C-alpha atoms as a PDB file:
ATOM      1  CA  UNK A   1     103.898 116.413 162.807  1.00  0.00           C
ATOM      2  CA  UNK A   2     107.383 114.940 162.737  1.00  0.00           C
ATOM      3  CA  UNK A   3     110.159 117.476 163.045  1.00  0.00           C
ATOM      4  CA  UNK A   4     113.859 117.017 162.762  1.00  0.00           C
ATOM      5  CA  UNK A   5     116.203 119.858 163.520  1.00  0.00           C
ATOM      6  CA  UNK A   6     113.335 122.290 163.377  1.00  0.00           C
ATOM      7  CA  UNK A   7     112.157 121.255 159.885  1.00  0.00           C
ATOM      8  CA  UNK A   8     109.261 119.172 158.644  1.00  0.00           C
ATOM      9  CA  UNK A   9     110.282 115.802 157.201  1.00  0.00           C
ATOM     10  CA  UNK A  10     110.053 115.247 153.435  1.00  0.00           C
ATOM     11  CA  UNK A  11     107.892 112.158 153.955  1.00  0.00           C
ATOM     12  CA  UNK A  12     105.299 114.171 155.852  1.00  0.00           C
ATOM     13  CA  UNK A  13     105.208 116.843 153.113  1.00  0.00           C
ATOM     14  CA  UNK A  14     104.706 114.185 150.437  1.00  0.00           C
ATOM     15  CA  UNK A  15     101.865 112.572 152.361  1.00  0.00           C
ATOM     16  CA  UNK A  16     100.120 115.940 152.734  1.00  0.00           C
ATOM     17  CA  UNK A  17     100.382 116.541 148.989  1.00  0.00           C
ATOM     18  CA  UNK A  18      99.038 113.065 148.241  1.00  0.00           C
ATOM     19  CA  UNK A  19      95.831 113.811 150.141  1.00  0.00           C
ATOM     20  CA  UNK A  20      95.035 116.775 147.908  1.00  0.00           C
ATOM     21  CA  UNK A  21      94.760 114.785 144.680  1.00  0.00           C
ATOM     22  CA  UNK A  22      92.160 112.029 144.175  1.00  0.00           C
ATOM     23  CA  UNK A  23      93.578 108.580 143.667  1.00  0.00           C
ATOM     24  CA  UNK A  24      93.099 106.346 140.664  1.00  0.00           C
ATOM     25  CA  UNK A  25      90.634 104.170 142.521  1.00  0.00           C
ATOM     26  CA  UNK A  26      88.305 107.076 143.219  1.00  0.00           C
ATOM     27  CA  UNK A  27      88.440 108.200 139.584  1.00  0.00           C
ATOM     28  CA  UNK A  28      87.602 104.676 138.419  1.00  0.00           C
ATOM     29  CA  UNK A  29      84.667 104.417 140.833  1.00  0.00           C
ATOM     30  CA  UNK A  30      83.231 107.773 139.728  1.00  0.00           C
ATOM     31  CA  UNK A  31      83.597 106.885 136.042  1.00  0.00           C
ATOM     32  CA  UNK A  32      81.913 103.500 136.659  1.00  0.00           C
ATOM     33  CA  UNK A  33      78.994 105.245 138.353  1.00  0.00           C
ATOM     34  CA  UNK A  34      78.639 107.717 135.472  1.00  0.00           C
ATOM     35  CA  UNK A  35      78.751 104.913 132.883  1.00  0.00           C
ATOM     36  CA  UNK A  36      76.201 102.964 134.895  1.00  0.00           C
ATOM     37  CA  UNK A  37      73.851 105.926 135.021  1.00  0.00           C
ATOM     38  CA  UNK A  38      74.134 106.340 131.266  1.00  0.00           C
ATOM     39  CA  UNK A  39      73.982 102.723 130.061  1.00  0.00           C
ATOM     40  CA  UNK A  40      71.878 100.758 132.555  1.00  0.00           C
ATOM     41  CA  UNK A  41      68.563 102.500 131.715  1.00  0.00           C
ATOM     42  CA  UNK A  42      69.177 101.764 128.040  1.00  0.00           C
ATOM     43  CA  UNK A  43      69.813  98.119 128.785  1.00  0.00           C
ATOM     44  CA  UNK A  44      66.580  97.804 130.798  1.00  0.00           C
ATOM     45  CA  UNK A  45      64.296  99.020 127.988  1.00  0.00           C
ATOM     46  CA  UNK A  46      62.556  96.230 126.075  1.00  0.00           C
ATOM     47  CA  UNK A  47      64.082  95.832 122.665  1.00  0.00           C
ATOM     48  CA  UNK A  48      61.831  96.184 119.671  1.00  0.00           C
ATOM     49  CA  UNK A  49      62.465  93.747 116.866  1.00  0.00           C
ATOM     50  CA  UNK A  50      64.052  95.473 113.915  1.00  0.00           C
ATOM     51  CA  UNK A  51      62.046  95.324 110.698  1.00  0.00           C
ATOM     52  CA  UNK A  52      63.563  92.914 108.249  1.00  0.00           C
ATOM     53  CA  UNK A  53      64.573  94.429 104.975  1.00  0.00           C
ATOM     54  CA  UNK A  54      64.698  92.035 102.097  1.00  0.00           C
ATOM     55  CA  UNK A  55      66.961  93.177  99.338  1.00  0.00           C
ATOM     56  CA  UNK A  56      67.573  91.343  96.163  1.00  0.00           C
ATOM     57  CA  UNK A  57      71.235  90.528  95.977  1.00  0.00           C
ATOM     58  CA  UNK A  58      72.811  91.592  92.756  1.00  0.00           C
ATOM     59  CA  UNK A  59      75.023  88.864  91.443  1.00  0.00           C
ATOM     60  CA  UNK A  60      78.286  89.808  89.823  1.00  0.00           C
ATOM     61  CA  UNK A  61      78.560  88.917  86.183  1.00  0.00           C
ATOM     62  CA  UNK A  62      81.522  87.093  84.729  1.00  0.00           C
ATOM     63  CA  UNK A  63      82.959  90.327  83.322  1.00  0.00           C
ATOM     64  CA  UNK A  64      82.861  92.016  86.704  1.00  0.00           C
ATOM     65  CA  UNK A  65      84.530  89.055  88.349  1.00  0.00           C
ATOM     66  CA  UNK A  66      87.228  89.023  85.683  1.00  0.00           C
ATOM     67  CA  UNK A  67      87.822  92.781  86.058  1.00  0.00           C
ATOM     68  CA  UNK A  68      88.140  92.512  89.827  1.00  0.00           C
ATOM     69  CA  UNK A  69      90.425  89.482  89.609  1.00  0.00           C
ATOM     70  CA  UNK A  70      92.688  91.183  87.058  1.00  0.00           C
ATOM     71  CA  UNK A  71      92.775  94.315  89.211  1.00  0.00           C
ATOM     72  CA  UNK A  72      94.256  92.221  91.983  1.00  0.00           C
ATOM     73  CA  UNK A  73      96.403  89.759  90.048  1.00  0.00           C
ATOM     74  CA  UNK A  74      98.079  92.249  87.659  1.00  0.00           C
ATOM     75  CA  UNK A  75      99.635  94.489  90.380  1.00  0.00           C
ATOM     76  CA  UNK A  76     100.666  91.423  92.377  1.00  0.00           C
ATOM     77  CA  UNK A  77     102.365  89.923  89.318  1.00  0.00           C
ATOM     78  CA  UNK A  78     104.058  93.222  88.509  1.00  0.00           C
ATOM     79  CA  UNK A  79     105.263  93.462  92.110  1.00  0.00           C
ATOM     80  CA  UNK A  80     106.646  89.921  92.014  1.00  0.00           C
ATOM     81  CA  UNK A  81     108.565  90.654  88.809  1.00  0.00           C
ATOM     82  CA  UNK A  82     109.719  94.215  89.534  1.00  0.00           C
ATOM     83  CA  UNK A  83     110.264  93.899  93.316  1.00  0.00           C
ATOM     84  CA  UNK A  84     109.590  97.581  94.053  1.00  0.00           C
ATOM     85  CA  UNK A  85     110.625  97.225  97.704  1.00  0.00           C
ATOM     86  CA  UNK A  86     114.214  96.701  96.541  1.00  0.00           C
ATOM     87  CA  UNK A  87     114.534  99.235  93.751  1.00  0.00           C
ATOM     88  CA  UNK A  88     112.573 101.865  91.833  1.00  0.00           C
ATOM     89  CA  UNK A  89     109.109 101.959  93.438  1.00  0.00           C
ATOM     90  CA  UNK A  90     108.081 104.802  91.102  1.00  0.00           C
ATOM     91  CA  UNK A  91     108.342 102.512  88.060  1.00  0.00           C
ATOM     92  CA  UNK A  92     106.034 100.040  89.821  1.00  0.00           C
ATOM     93  CA  UNK A  93     103.523 102.844  90.264  1.00  0.00           C
ATOM     94  CA  UNK A  94     103.558 103.536  86.523  1.00  0.00           C
ATOM     95  CA  UNK A  95     103.718  99.951  85.267  1.00  0.00           C
ATOM     96  CA  UNK A  96     101.981  97.976  88.032  1.00  0.00           C
ATOM     97  CA  UNK A  97      99.333 100.232  89.516  1.00  0.00           C
ATOM     98  CA  UNK A  98      98.928 102.803  86.757  1.00  0.00           C
ATOM     99  CA  UNK A  99      97.127 100.623  84.186  1.00  0.00           C
ATOM    100  CA  UNK A 100      94.673  99.284  86.775  1.00  0.00           C
ATOM    101  CA  UNK A 101      93.821 102.743  88.085  1.00  0.00           C
ATOM    102  CA  UNK A 102      93.571 104.138  84.554  1.00  0.00           C
ATOM    103  CA  UNK A 103      91.253 101.309  83.496  1.00  0.00           C
ATOM    104  CA  UNK A 104      88.868 101.830  86.422  1.00  0.00           C
ATOM    105  CA  UNK A 105      88.986 105.599  85.903  1.00  0.00           C
ATOM    106  CA  UNK A 106      88.022 105.259  82.237  1.00  0.00           C
ATOM    107  CA  UNK A 107      85.202 102.858  83.166  1.00  0.00           C
ATOM    108  CA  UNK A 108      83.917 105.278  85.814  1.00  0.00           C
ATOM    109  CA  UNK A 109      83.894 108.221  83.393  1.00  0.00           C
ATOM    110  CA  UNK A 110      82.172 106.236  80.645  1.00  0.00           C
ATOM    111  CA  UNK A 111      79.475 105.047  83.051  1.00  0.00           C
ATOM    112  CA  UNK A 112      78.856 108.660  84.014  1.00  0.00           C
ATOM    113  CA  UNK A 113      78.256 109.607  80.370  1.00  0.00           C
ATOM    114  CA  UNK A 114      76.013 106.596  79.726  1.00  0.00           C
ATOM    115  CA  UNK A 115      73.708 107.313  82.661  1.00  0.00           C
ATOM    116  CA  UNK A 116      73.306 110.921  81.663  1.00  0.00           C
END
């Protein structure tokens, strides 16, 4: 122990405190061991081939494609004309996004009544 004028040096006190806490390297080694114990057995198991599911792909009709395209193009056009980032974003919500959301909402409700 290094003593100066009857006191312990600050460097010696700091080194004693450093020995009480584990270092980053030890924490990383322990976490690597834990991850290895968890994942390595799973990696060693032979993989079973997944059963292939064949689903018929439903093609979108022309009306659906038009509805989706208009749902994208109309708000973009309204944004280009109104420039809501400069002034009055609430008006863009009513004029640009409102009709698209209202149209899809009406479609959704009507489809619910038709399937019933």
